[in-house]
PDB file of N, CA and C in Angstrom:
ATOM      1  N   MET A   1      -8.543 -29.253 -10.654  1.00  0.00           N
ATOM      2  CA  MET A   1      -8.153 -28.669 -12.060  1.00  0.00           C
ATOM      3  C   MET A   1      -6.994 -29.397 -12.116  1.00  0.00           C
ATOM      4  N   THR A   2      -7.045 -29.441 -13.781  1.00  0.00           N
ATOM      5  CA  THR A   2      -6.225 -30.543 -14.663  1.00  0.00           C
ATOM      6  C   THR A   2      -5.108 -29.775 -14.920  1.00  0.00           C
ATOM      7  N   GLY A   3      -3.957 -30.524 -14.850  1.00  0.00           N
ATOM      8  CA  GLY A   3      -2.497 -29.498 -15.201  1.00  0.00           C
ATOM      9  C   GLY A   3      -2.309 -29.735 -16.749  1.00  0.00           C
ATOM     10  N   PRO A   4      -1.224 -29.055 -17.232  1.00  0.00           N
ATOM     11  CA  PRO A   4      -1.641 -28.924 -18.984  1.00  0.00           C
ATOM     12  C   PRO A   4      -0.884 -30.030 -19.415  1.00  0.00           C
ATOM     13  N   ASP A   5      -0.286 -31.225 -18.538  1.00  0.00           N
ATOM     14  CA  ASP A   5       0.209 -31.930 -19.721  1.00  0.00           C
ATOM     15  C   ASP A   5      -0.625 -32.975 -19.458  1.00  0.00           C
ATOM     16  N   GLU A   6      -1.775 -33.209 -19.099  1.00  0.00           N
ATOM     17  CA  GLU A   6      -3.262 -33.873 -19.272  1.00  0.00           C
ATOM     18  C   GLU A   6      -3.166 -34.638 -20.636  1.00  0.00           C
ATOM     19  N   THR A   7      -3.400 -35.604 -20.861  1.00  0.00           N
ATOM     20  CA  THR A   7      -4.229 -36.161 -21.967  1.00  0.00           C
ATOM     21  C   THR A   7      -5.381 -36.586 -21.750  1.00  0.00           C
ATOM     22  N   ILE A   8      -5.804 -36.782 -22.977  1.00  0.00           N
ATOM     23  CA  ILE A   8      -7.185 -37.474 -23.277  1.00  0.00           C
ATOM     24  C   ILE A   8      -7.464 -38.546 -24.273  1.00  0.00           C
ATOM     25  N   GLU A   9      -8.194 -39.342 -24.589  1.00  0.00           N
ATOM     26  CA  GLU A   9      -8.483 -40.320 -25.987  1.00  0.00           C
ATOM     27  C   GLU A   9      -9.577 -39.811 -26.319  1.00  0.00           C
ATOM     28  N   VAL A  10      -9.249 -40.240 -27.505  1.00  0.00           N
ATOM     29  CA  VAL A  10     -10.080 -39.518 -28.826  1.00  0.00           C
ATOM     30  C   VAL A  10     -10.107 -40.685 -29.930  1.00  0.00           C
ATOM     31  N   GLU A  11     -10.511 -40.964 -30.926  1.00  0.00           N
ATOM     32  CA  GLU A  11     -10.568 -42.075 -32.035  1.00  0.00           C
ATOM     33  C   GLU A  11     -10.064 -41.078 -33.374  1.00  0.00           C
ATOM     34  N   VAL A  12      -9.747 -42.060 -34.087  1.00  0.00           N
ATOM     35  CA  VAL A  12      -9.709 -41.164 -35.497  1.00  0.00           C
ATOM     36  C   VAL A  12      -9.897 -42.209 -36.744  1.00  0.00           C
ATOM     37  N   ALA A  13     -10.865 -42.074 -37.007  1.00  0.00           N
ATOM     38  CA  ALA A  13     -11.495 -43.106 -38.392  1.00  0.00           C
ATOM     39  C   ALA A  13     -11.266 -42.761 -39.487  1.00  0.00           C
ATOM     40  N   TYR A  14     -11.346 -43.677 -40.329  1.00  0.00           N
ATOM     41  CA  TYR A  14     -11.512 -43.274 -41.698  1.00  0.00           C
ATOM     42  C   TYR A  14     -11.588 -44.698 -42.291  1.00  0.00           C
ATOM     43  N   ALA A  15     -12.595 -44.703 -43.552  1.00  0.00           N
ATOM     44  CA  ALA A  15     -12.958 -45.724 -44.391  1.00  0.00           C
ATOM     45  C   ALA A  15     -13.078 -45.503 -45.697  1.00  0.00           C
ATOM     46  N   ARG A  16     -12.142 -46.364 -46.100  1.00  0.00           N
ATOM     47  CA  ARG A  16     -12.883 -46.524 -47.954  1.00  0.00           C
ATOM     48  C   ARG A  16     -13.814 -47.889 -48.038  1.00  0.00           C
ATOM     49  N   PRO A  17     -14.238 -47.954 -49.188  1.00  0.00           N
ATOM     50  CA  PRO A  17     -15.371 -48.569 -49.311  1.00  0.00           C
ATOM     51  C   PRO A  17     -15.053 -50.700 -48.875  1.00  0.00           C
ATOM     52  N   GLU A  18     -13.620 -50.698 -49.144  1.00  0.00           N
ATOM     53  CA  GLU A  18     -13.254 -52.074 -49.061  1.00  0.00           C
ATOM     54  C   GLU A  18     -12.328 -52.293 -47.581  1.00  0.00           C
ATOM     55  N   ARG A  19     -12.430 -51.128 -46.758  1.00  0.00           N
ATOM     56  CA  ARG A  19     -11.403 -51.145 -45.782  1.00  0.00           C
ATOM     57  C   ARG A  19     -12.020 -50.136 -44.452  1.00  0.00           C
ATOM     58  N   GLN A  20     -11.866 -50.152 -43.385  1.00  0.00           N
ATOM     59  CA  GLN A  20     -11.946 -48.900 -42.548  1.00  0.00           C
ATOM     60  C   GLN A  20     -11.366 -49.348 -41.188  1.00  0.00           C
ATOM     61  N   LEU A  21     -10.460 -48.117 -40.800  1.00  0.00           N
ATOM     62  CA  LEU A  21     -10.117 -48.502 -39.572  1.00  0.00           C
ATOM     63  C   LEU A  21     -10.595 -46.774 -39.065  1.00  0.00           C
ATOM     64  N   ILE A  22      -9.824 -47.720 -37.348  1.00  0.00           N
ATOM     65  CA  ILE A  22     -10.357 -46.344 -36.350  1.00  0.00           C
ATOM     66  C   ILE A  22      -9.599 -46.820 -35.168  1.00  0.00           C
ATOM     67  N   LEU A  23      -8.564 -45.755 -34.771  1.00  0.00           N
ATOM     68  CA  LEU A  23      -7.357 -45.688 -33.823  1.00  0.00           C
ATOM     69  C   LEU A  23      -7.568 -45.188 -32.819  1.00  0.00           C
ATOM     70  N   ALA A  24      -7.811 -45.709 -31.494  1.00  0.00           N
ATOM     71  CA  ALA A  24      -7.574 -45.181 -30.232  1.00  0.00           C
ATOM     72  C   ALA A  24      -6.303 -44.215 -30.339  1.00  0.00           C
ATOM     73  N   VAL A  25      -6.431 -42.953 -29.748  1.00  0.00           N
ATOM     74  CA  VAL A  25      -5.255 -42.207 -29.441  1.00  0.00           C
ATOM     75  C   VAL A  25      -5.409 -41.462 -28.390  1.00  0.00           C
ATOM     76  N   GLU A  26      -3.702 -41.488 -27.740  1.00  0.00           N
ATOM     77  CA  GLU A  26      -4.461 -40.641 -26.264  1.00  0.00           C
ATOM     78  C   GLU A  26      -3.170 -39.209 -27.058  1.00  0.00           C
ATOM     79  N   VAL A  27      -3.927 -38.239 -26.675  1.00  0.00           N
ATOM     80  CA  VAL A  27      -3.479 -36.902 -27.254  1.00  0.00           C
ATOM     81  C   VAL A  27      -3.324 -36.071 -26.022  1.00  0.00           C
ATOM     82  N   PRO A  28      -2.843 -34.622 -26.001  1.00  0.00           N
ATOM     83  CA  PRO A  28      -2.142 -33.427 -25.371  1.00  0.00           C
ATOM     84  C   PRO A  28      -3.845 -33.302 -24.960  1.00  0.00           C
ATOM     85  N   ARG A  29      -4.834 -32.580 -23.990  1.00  0.00           N
ATOM     86  CA  ARG A  29      -5.650 -31.880 -24.086  1.00  0.00           C
ATOM     87  C   ARG A  29      -5.598 -30.122 -24.626  1.00  0.00           C
ATOM     88  N   GLY A  30      -6.373 -30.130 -25.196  1.00  0.00           N
ATOM     89  CA  GLY A  30      -6.348 -28.871 -26.145  1.00  0.00           C
ATOM     90  C   GLY A  30      -5.957 -29.368 -27.663  1.00  0.00           C
ATOM     91  N   THR A  31      -5.518 -30.773 -27.877  1.00  0.00           N
ATOM     92  CA  THR A  31      -5.778 -30.728 -29.415  1.00  0.00           C
ATOM     93  C   THR A  31      -6.749 -30.421 -30.650  1.00  0.00           C
ATOM     94  N   SER A  32      -6.322 -30.379 -31.534  1.00  0.00           N
ATOM     95  CA  SER A  32      -7.765 -30.012 -32.819  1.00  0.00           C
ATOM     96  C   SER A  32      -8.035 -31.220 -33.604  1.00  0.00           C
ATOM     97  N   ALA A  33      -8.954 -30.649 -34.061  1.00  0.00           N
ATOM     98  CA  ALA A  33      -9.216 -32.292 -34.934  1.00  0.00           C
ATOM     99  C   ALA A  33      -8.253 -31.996 -36.059  1.00  0.00           C
ATOM    100  N   ALA A  34      -7.194 -31.801 -36.223  1.00  0.00           N
ATOM    101  CA  ALA A  34      -6.215 -32.094 -37.366  1.00  0.00           C
ATOM    102  C   ALA A  34      -5.025 -32.539 -36.721  1.00  0.00           C
ATOM    103  N   GLU A  35      -4.858 -31.951 -35.684  1.00  0.00           N
ATOM    104  CA  GLU A  35      -3.999 -32.358 -34.649  1.00  0.00           C
ATOM    105  C   GLU A  35      -4.052 -33.820 -34.600  1.00  0.00           C
ATOM    106  N   ALA A  36      -4.789 -34.707 -33.979  1.00  0.00           N
ATOM    107  CA  ALA A  36      -5.258 -35.800 -33.655  1.00  0.00           C
ATOM    108  C   ALA A  36      -5.094 -36.669 -35.245  1.00  0.00           C
ATOM    109  N   VAL A  37      -5.735 -36.094 -36.216  1.00  0.00           N
ATOM    110  CA  VAL A  37      -5.417 -36.871 -37.090  1.00  0.00           C
ATOM    111  C   VAL A  37      -3.774 -37.152 -37.579  1.00  0.00           C
ATOM    112  N   ARG A  38      -3.173 -36.254 -37.549  1.00  0.00           N
ATOM    113  CA  ARG A  38      -1.536 -36.301 -37.823  1.00  0.00           C
ATOM    114  C   ARG A  38      -1.199 -36.864 -36.782  1.00  0.00           C
ATOM    115  N   LEU A  39      -1.597 -36.744 -35.198  1.00  0.00           N
ATOM    116  CA  LEU A  39      -0.851 -37.489 -34.144  1.00  0.00           C
ATOM    117  C   LEU A  39      -1.228 -39.421 -34.162  1.00  0.00           C
ATOM    118  N   SER A  40      -2.376 -39.574 -34.908  1.00  0.00           N
ATOM    119  CA  SER A  40      -2.872 -41.045 -34.941  1.00  0.00           C
ATOM    120  C   SER A  40      -1.821 -41.761 -35.938  1.00  0.00           C
ATOM    121  N   GLY A  41      -1.430 -41.451 -37.103  1.00  0.00           N
ATOM    122  CA  GLY A  41      -0.363 -41.925 -37.906  1.00  0.00           C
ATOM    123  C   GLY A  41      -1.610 -42.747 -39.215  1.00  0.00           C
ATOM    124  N   ILE A  42      -2.748 -42.382 -39.218  1.00  0.00           N
ATOM    125  CA  ILE A  42      -3.640 -43.234 -39.950  1.00  0.00           C
ATOM    126  C   ILE A  42      -3.328 -42.728 -41.279  1.00  0.00           C
ATOM    127  N   GLU A  43      -2.572 -41.456 -41.775  1.00  0.00           N
ATOM    128  CA  GLU A  43      -2.332 -41.196 -42.932  1.00  0.00           C
ATOM    129  C   GLU A  43      -1.764 -41.861 -43.921  1.00  0.00           C
ATOM    130  N   GLU A  44      -0.512 -42.680 -42.847  1.00  0.00           N
ATOM    131  CA  GLU A  44       0.465 -43.346 -42.967  1.00  0.00           C
ATOM    132  C   GLU A  44      -0.160 -44.795 -43.532  1.00  0.00           C
ATOM    133  N   LYS A  45      -1.202 -45.169 -43.404  1.00  0.00           N
ATOM    134  CA  LYS A  45      -2.033 -46.069 -43.483  1.00  0.00           C
ATOM    135  C   LYS A  45      -2.468 -45.849 -44.668  1.00  0.00           C
ATOM    136  N   PHE A  46      -2.998 -44.821 -44.747  1.00  0.00           N
ATOM    137  CA  PHE A  46      -3.771 -44.059 -46.199  1.00  0.00           C
ATOM    138  C   PHE A  46      -3.507 -43.056 -46.747  1.00  0.00           C
ATOM    139  N   PRO A  47      -2.687 -42.823 -47.617  1.00  0.00           N
ATOM    140  CA  PRO A  47      -1.435 -42.442 -47.934  1.00  0.00           C
ATOM    141  C   PRO A  47      -2.619 -41.230 -49.108  1.00  0.00           C
ATOM    142  N   GLU A  48      -3.531 -41.341 -48.992  1.00  0.00           N
ATOM    143  CA  GLU A  48      -4.746 -40.638 -50.418  1.00  0.00           C
ATOM    144  C   GLU A  48      -5.173 -39.259 -48.890  1.00  0.00           C
ATOM    145  N   ILE A  49      -5.549 -39.757 -47.845  1.00  0.00           N
ATOM    146  CA  ILE A  49      -6.156 -38.709 -47.225  1.00  0.00           C
ATOM    147  C   ILE A  49      -5.141 -37.114 -47.321  1.00  0.00           C
ATOM    148  N   ASP A  50      -5.987 -36.150 -47.627  1.00  0.00           N
ATOM    149  CA  ASP A  50      -5.000 -34.796 -47.472  1.00  0.00           C
ATOM    150  C   ASP A  50      -5.798 -33.974 -46.742  1.00  0.00           C
ATOM    151  N   LEU A  51      -5.680 -33.334 -45.380  1.00  0.00           N
ATOM    152  CA  LEU A  51      -6.171 -32.863 -44.815  1.00  0.00           C
ATOM    153  C   LEU A  51      -6.552 -31.522 -45.303  1.00  0.00           C
ATOM    154  N   GLY A  52      -5.888 -31.177 -46.210  1.00  0.00           N
ATOM    155  CA  GLY A  52      -5.999 -29.735 -46.765  1.00  0.00           C
ATOM    156  C   GLY A  52      -7.619 -29.745 -47.657  1.00  0.00           C
ATOM    157  N   SER A  53      -7.978 -30.687 -48.452  1.00  0.00           N
ATOM    158  CA  SER A  53      -8.976 -30.453 -48.780  1.00  0.00           C
ATOM    159  C   SER A  53     -10.296 -31.561 -48.499  1.00  0.00           C
ATOM    160  N   GLN A  54      -9.709 -32.070 -47.225  1.00  0.00           N
ATOM    161  CA  GLN A  54     -10.936 -33.765 -46.929  1.00  0.00           C
ATOM    162  C   GLN A  54     -11.775 -32.882 -45.962  1.00  0.00           C
ATOM    163  N   ARG A  55     -13.066 -32.847 -46.038  1.00  0.00           N
ATOM    164  CA  ARG A  55     -13.754 -32.437 -44.462  1.00  0.00           C
ATOM    165  C   ARG A  55     -13.628 -33.148 -43.494  1.00  0.00           C
ATOM    166  N   LEU A  56     -13.789 -33.283 -41.541  1.00  0.00           N
ATOM    167  CA  LEU A  56     -13.467 -33.678 -40.505  1.00  0.00           C
ATOM    168  C   LEU A  56     -14.691 -33.546 -40.239  1.00  0.00           C
ATOM    169  N   GLY A  57     -15.583 -34.601 -39.205  1.00  0.00           N
ATOM    170  CA  GLY A  57     -16.360 -34.200 -38.403  1.00  0.00           C
ATOM    171  C   GLY A  57     -16.089 -35.186 -37.129  1.00  0.00           C
ATOM    172  N   ILE A  58     -16.865 -35.030 -36.185  1.00  0.00           N
ATOM    173  CA  ILE A  58     -16.897 -35.434 -34.730  1.00  0.00           C
ATOM    174  C   ILE A  58     -18.603 -36.268 -35.211  1.00  0.00           C
ATOM    175  N   PHE A  59     -18.565 -37.816 -34.630  1.00  0.00           N
ATOM    176  CA  PHE A  59     -19.907 -38.471 -34.981  1.00  0.00           C
ATOM    177  C   PHE A  59     -20.249 -38.082 -35.938  1.00  0.00           C
ATOM    178  N   GLY A  60     -20.561 -37.782 -36.537  1.00  0.00           N
ATOM    179  CA  GLY A  60     -21.218 -37.465 -37.836  1.00  0.00           C
ATOM    180  C   GLY A  60     -21.707 -35.879 -38.206  1.00  0.00           C
ATOM    181  N   LYS A  61     -20.918 -35.142 -37.240  1.00  0.00           N
ATOM    182  CA  LYS A  61     -21.300 -33.933 -37.445  1.00  0.00           C
ATOM    183  C   LYS A  61     -19.679 -33.282 -38.498  1.00  0.00           C
ATOM    184  N   LEU A  62     -19.944 -32.233 -39.382  1.00  0.00           N
ATOM    185  CA  LEU A  62     -19.092 -31.563 -39.709  1.00  0.00           C
ATOM    186  C   LEU A  62     -18.238 -31.106 -38.454  1.00  0.00           C
ATOM    187  N   CYS A  63     -17.403 -30.534 -38.541  1.00  0.00           N
ATOM    188  CA  CYS A  63     -16.204 -29.514 -37.850  1.00  0.00           C
ATOM    189  C   CYS A  63     -15.045 -29.069 -38.391  1.00  0.00           C
ATOM    190  N   LYS A  64     -14.486 -28.196 -37.845  1.00  0.00           N
ATOM    191  CA  LYS A  64     -13.634 -27.470 -38.362  1.00  0.00           C
ATOM    192  C   LYS A  64     -12.153 -28.076 -37.731  1.00  0.00           C
ATOM    193  N   ALA A  65     -11.214 -28.056 -38.693  1.00  0.00           N
ATOM    194  CA  ALA A  65     -10.389 -28.684 -38.765  1.00  0.00           C
ATOM    195  C   ALA A  65      -9.551 -28.744 -37.033  1.00  0.00           C
ATOM    196  N   ASP A  66      -9.921 -26.835 -36.906  1.00  0.00           N
ATOM    197  CA  ASP A  66      -8.980 -26.640 -35.344  1.00  0.00           C
ATOM    198  C   ASP A  66      -9.811 -26.965 -34.281  1.00  0.00           C
ATOM    199  N   ARG A  67     -11.247 -27.195 -34.658  1.00  0.00           N
ATOM    200  CA  ARG A  67     -11.681 -27.601 -33.153  1.00  0.00           C
ATOM    201  C   ARG A  67     -11.246 -28.327 -32.191  1.00  0.00           C
ATOM    202  N   GLU A  68     -11.380 -28.065 -31.022  1.00  0.00           N
ATOM    203  CA  GLU A  68     -10.706 -28.299 -29.483  1.00  0.00           C
ATOM    204  C   GLU A  68     -11.421 -29.714 -29.318  1.00  0.00           C
ATOM    205  N   LEU A  69     -11.017 -31.058 -29.596  1.00  0.00           N
ATOM    206  CA  LEU A  69     -11.500 -32.164 -28.735  1.00  0.00           C
ATOM    207  C   LEU A  69     -11.709 -32.311 -27.820  1.00  0.00           C
ATOM    208  N   ASN A  70     -12.759 -32.907 -26.901  1.00  0.00           N
ATOM    209  CA  ASN A  70     -12.768 -33.477 -25.998  1.00  0.00           C
ATOM    210  C   ASN A  70     -12.672 -34.978 -25.509  1.00  0.00           C
ATOM    211  N   PRO A  71     -12.782 -35.299 -24.654  1.00  0.00           N
ATOM    212  CA  PRO A  71     -12.480 -36.960 -24.360  1.00  0.00           C
ATOM    213  C   PRO A  71     -13.553 -37.853 -24.660  1.00  0.00           C
ATOM    214  N   GLY A  72     -12.944 -38.519 -25.469  1.00  0.00           N
ATOM    215  CA  GLY A  72     -14.463 -39.714 -25.822  1.00  0.00           C
ATOM    216  C   GLY A  72     -14.700 -39.057 -27.756  1.00  0.00           C
ATOM    217  N   ASP A  73     -13.920 -38.048 -27.824  1.00  0.00           N
ATOM    218  CA  ASP A  73     -14.491 -37.748 -29.385  1.00  0.00           C
ATOM    219  C   ASP A  73     -14.039 -38.494 -30.511  1.00  0.00           C
ATOM    220  N   ARG A  74     -14.740 -39.090 -31.459  1.00  0.00           N
ATOM    221  CA  ARG A  74     -14.429 -39.731 -32.804  1.00  0.00           C
ATOM    222  C   ARG A  74     -14.322 -38.932 -33.737  1.00  0.00           C
ATOM    223  N   VAL A  75     -13.158 -38.040 -34.452  1.00  0.00           N
ATOM    224  CA  VAL A  75     -12.905 -37.653 -35.486  1.00  0.00           C
ATOM    225  C   VAL A  75     -12.846 -38.553 -36.474  1.00  0.00           C
ATOM    226  N   GLU A  76     -13.711 -37.802 -37.577  1.00  0.00           N
ATOM    227  CA  GLU A  76     -14.019 -38.897 -38.850  1.00  0.00           C
ATOM    228  C   GLU A  76     -13.474 -38.457 -39.868  1.00  0.00           C
ATOM    229  N   ILE A  77     -12.921 -38.963 -40.603  1.00  0.00           N
ATOM    230  CA  ILE A  77     -12.093 -38.541 -42.035  1.00  0.00           C
ATOM    231  C   ILE A  77     -13.231 -38.421 -43.299  1.00  0.00           C
ATOM    232  N   TYR A  78     -13.853 -37.375 -44.214  1.00  0.00           N
ATOM    233  CA  TYR A  78     -14.948 -38.063 -44.691  1.00  0.00           C
ATOM    234  C   TYR A  78     -14.144 -37.998 -46.438  1.00  0.00           C
ATOM    235  N   ARG A  79     -14.267 -38.863 -47.359  1.00  0.00           N
ATOM    236  CA  ARG A  79     -14.153 -38.669 -48.507  1.00  0.00           C
ATOM    237  C   ARG A  79     -14.675 -38.211 -49.403  1.00  0.00           C
ATOM    238  N   PRO A  80     -14.279 -37.653 -50.207  1.00  0.00           N
ATOM    239  CA  PRO A  80     -14.482 -36.926 -51.249  1.00  0.00           C
ATOM    240  C   PRO A  80     -16.172 -37.542 -51.935  1.00  0.00           C
ATOM    241  N   LEU A  81     -17.142 -37.078 -52.108  1.00  0.00           N
ATOM    242  CA  LEU A  81     -17.910 -37.597 -53.211  1.00  0.00           C
ATOM    243  C   LEU A  81     -18.029 -37.875 -54.222  1.00  0.00           C
ATOM    244  N   LEU A  82     -18.056 -39.165 -54.511  1.00  0.00           N
ATOM    245  CA  LEU A  82     -18.065 -39.754 -56.073  1.00  0.00           C
ATOM    246  C   LEU A  82     -18.929 -38.771 -56.925  1.00  0.00           C
ATOM    247  N   ALA A  83     -20.128 -38.983 -56.673  1.00  0.00           N
ATOM    248  CA  ALA A  83     -21.447 -38.665 -57.114  1.00  0.00           C
ATOM    249  C   ALA A  83     -22.696 -37.393 -56.316  1.00  0.00           C
ATOM    250  N   ASP A  84     -22.584 -36.262 -57.295  1.00  0.00           N
ATOM    251  CA  ASP A  84     -23.374 -35.246 -56.560  1.00  0.00           C
ATOM    252  C   ASP A  84     -25.165 -35.349 -55.972  1.00  0.00           C
ATOM    253  N   PRO A  85     -25.632 -36.440 -54.721  1.00  0.00           N
ATOM    254  CA  PRO A  85     -26.701 -37.151 -54.215  1.00  0.00           C
ATOM    255  C   PRO A  85     -27.949 -36.463 -54.892  1.00  0.00           C
ATOM    256  N   ARG A  86     -27.855 -35.378 -55.450  1.00  0.00           N
ATOM    257  CA  ARG A  86     -29.032 -34.596 -56.088  1.00  0.00           C
ATOM    258  C   ARG A  86     -29.390 -34.931 -57.338  1.00  0.00           C
ATOM    259  N   ALA A  87     -27.991 -35.247 -57.950  1.00  0.00           N
ATOM    260  CA  ALA A  87     -27.984 -35.969 -59.624  1.00  0.00           C
ATOM    261  C   ALA A  87     -28.276 -36.948 -59.708  1.00  0.00           C
ATOM    262  N   ALA A  88     -27.411 -38.032 -58.689  1.00  0.00           N
ATOM    263  CA  ALA A  88     -27.968 -39.447 -58.542  1.00  0.00           C
ATOM    264  C   ALA A  88     -29.525 -39.230 -58.434  1.00  0.00           C
ATOM    265  N   ARG A  89     -30.167 -38.774 -57.416  1.00  0.00           N
ATOM    266  CA  ARG A  89     -31.891 -39.221 -57.477  1.00  0.00           C
ATOM    267  C   ARG A  89     -31.829 -38.641 -58.046  1.00  0.00           C
ATOM    268  N   ARG A  90     -31.953 -37.685 -59.013  1.00  0.00           N
ATOM    269  CA  ARG A  90     -32.618 -37.225 -60.464  1.00  0.00           C
ATOM    270  C   ARG A  90     -32.884 -38.454 -61.927  1.00  0.00           C
ATOM    271  N   GLU A  91     -31.457 -39.302 -61.771  1.00  0.00           N
ATOM    272  CA  GLU A  91     -31.198 -40.204 -62.493  1.00  0.00           C
ATOM    273  C   GLU A  91     -32.083 -41.134 -62.258  1.00  0.00           C
ATOM    274  N   LEU A  92     -31.705 -41.441 -61.056  1.00  0.00           N
ATOM    275  CA  LEU A  92     -32.563 -42.560 -60.663  1.00  0.00           C
ATOM    276  C   LEU A  92     -34.324 -42.829 -60.655  1.00  0.00           C
ATOM    277  N   ALA A  93     -35.063 -41.166 -60.695  1.00  0.00           N
ATOM    278  CA  ALA A  93     -36.226 -40.525 -60.502  1.00  0.00           C
ATOM    279  C   ALA A  93     -36.579 -40.805 -61.960  1.00  0.00           C
ATOM    280  N   ALA A  94     -35.258 -40.186 -62.819  1.00  0.00           N
ATOM    281  CA  ALA A  94     -36.118 -40.635 -64.517  1.00  0.00           C
ATOM    282  C   ALA A  94     -35.669 -41.886 -64.904  1.00  0.00           C
ATOM    283  N   ALA A  95     -35.401 -42.949 -64.387  1.00  0.00           N
ATOM    284  CA  ALA A  95     -35.202 -44.367 -64.647  1.00  0.00           C
ATOM    285  C   ALA A  95     -36.231 -45.338 -63.534  1.00  0.00           C
ATOM    286  N   GLY A  96     -37.579 -44.299 -62.641  1.00  0.00           N
ATOM    287  CA  GLY A  96     -38.530 -45.189 -62.305  1.00  0.00           C
ATOM    288  C   GLY A  96     -37.766 -45.925 -61.033  1.00  0.00           C
ATOM    289  N   LYS A  97     -36.218 -44.848 -60.645  1.00  0.00           N
ATOM    290  CA  LYS A  97     -36.140 -45.515 -59.344  1.00  0.00           C
ATOM    291  C   LYS A  97     -36.589 -44.936 -58.097  1.00  0.00           C
ATOM    292  N   SER A  98     -35.641 -45.689 -56.745  1.00  0.00           N
ATOM    293  CA  SER A  98     -35.552 -44.575 -55.714  1.00  0.00           C
ATOM    294  C   SER A  98     -34.323 -44.855 -54.922  1.00  0.00           C
ATOM    295  N   MET A  99     -33.864 -43.750 -54.408  1.00  0.00           N
ATOM    296  CA  MET A  99     -32.761 -44.136 -53.136  1.00  0.00           C
ATOM    297  C   MET A  99     -33.191 -45.881 -52.310  1.00  0.00           C
ATOM    298  N   GLY A 100     -33.767 -45.467 -51.721  1.00  0.00           N
ATOM    299  CA  GLY A 100     -34.516 -46.896 -50.939  1.00  0.00           C
ATOM    300  C   GLY A 100     -33.901 -46.726 -49.509  1.00  0.00           C
ATOM    301  N   LYS A 101     -33.340 -47.149 -48.466  1.00  0.00           N
ATOM    302  CA  LYS A 101     -33.086 -47.225 -47.538  1.00  0.00           C
ATOM    303  C   LYS A 101     -31.951 -47.499 -47.614  1.00  0.00           C
ATOM    304  N   GLY A 102     -30.539 -47.094 -47.196  1.00  0.00           N
ATOM    305  CA  GLY A 102     -29.026 -47.519 -47.661  1.00  0.00           C
ATOM    306  C   GLY A 102     -28.591 -46.930 -48.588  1.00  0.00           C
ATOM    307  N   GLY A 103     -29.209 -46.642 -49.258  1.00  0.00           N
ATOM    308  CA  GLY A 103     -28.702 -45.808 -50.349  1.00  0.00           C
ATOM    309  C   GLY A 103     -29.025 -47.322 -51.532  1.00  0.00           C
ATOM    310  N   ARG A 104     -29.474 -47.937 -51.556  1.00  0.00           N
ATOM    311  CA  ARG A 104     -29.803 -48.796 -52.789  1.00  0.00           C
ATOM    312  C   ARG A 104     -30.733 -48.538 -53.406  1.00  0.00           C
ATOM    313  N   ASP A 105     -30.541 -49.025 -54.707  1.00  0.00           N
ATOM    314  CA  ASP A 105     -31.492 -48.849 -55.990  1.00  0.00           C
ATOM    315  C   ASP A 105     -32.923 -49.689 -55.718  1.00  0.00           C
ATOM    316  N   GLU A 106     -34.097 -49.025 -55.743  1.00  0.00           N
ATOM    317  CA  GLU A 106     -35.098 -49.901 -55.727  1.00  0.00           C
ATOM    318  C   GLU A 106     -36.278 -49.298 -56.737  1.00  0.00           C
ATOM    319  N   PRO A 107     -37.341 -50.085 -57.013  1.00  0.00           N
ATOM    320  CA  PRO A 107     -38.514 -49.569 -57.877  1.00  0.00           C
ATOM    321  C   PRO A 107     -38.998 -48.384 -56.985  1.00  0.00           C
ATOM    322  N   ALA A 108     -39.625 -47.514 -57.593  1.00  0.00           N
ATOM    323  CA  ALA A 108     -40.271 -46.126 -57.002  1.00  0.00           C
ATOM    324  C   ALA A 108     -41.492 -47.061 -57.037  1.00  0.00           C
ATOM    325  N   GLU A 109     -42.200 -46.272 -55.483  1.00  0.00           N
ATOM    326  CA  GLU A 109     -43.263 -46.568 -55.468  1.00  0.00           C
ATOM    327  C   GLU A 109     -44.186 -45.988 -56.316  1.00  0.00           C
ATOM    328  N   ARG A 110     -45.413 -46.462 -56.349  1.00  0.00           N
ATOM    329  CA  ARG A 110     -46.331 -45.834 -57.732  1.00  0.00           C
ATOM    330  C   ARG A 110     -47.786 -45.562 -56.785  1.00  0.00           C
TER     331      ARG A 110
END
């Protein structure tokens, strides 16, 4: 049986193209994904983070901000997309290219 004051360790991650940060945080059991972000202090290091508009995920899968965390979870803060991926693929196809692996522009296979 666990007590109400037990804590768990989770990670909070955010990345910009030039910099990424993953913080290990000890939080009370029952903490939500959004609460873990706030408790981590990552918003002070990246002031552009806006939990009201940015989506969260755990290990690459979207989750709601109020999702209760499990020990070892990594909360990821996703930046808004700069371009619609479907529109980008259409533009590349029109230019005779494809996205290829890792999102690199590559000549389309014929």
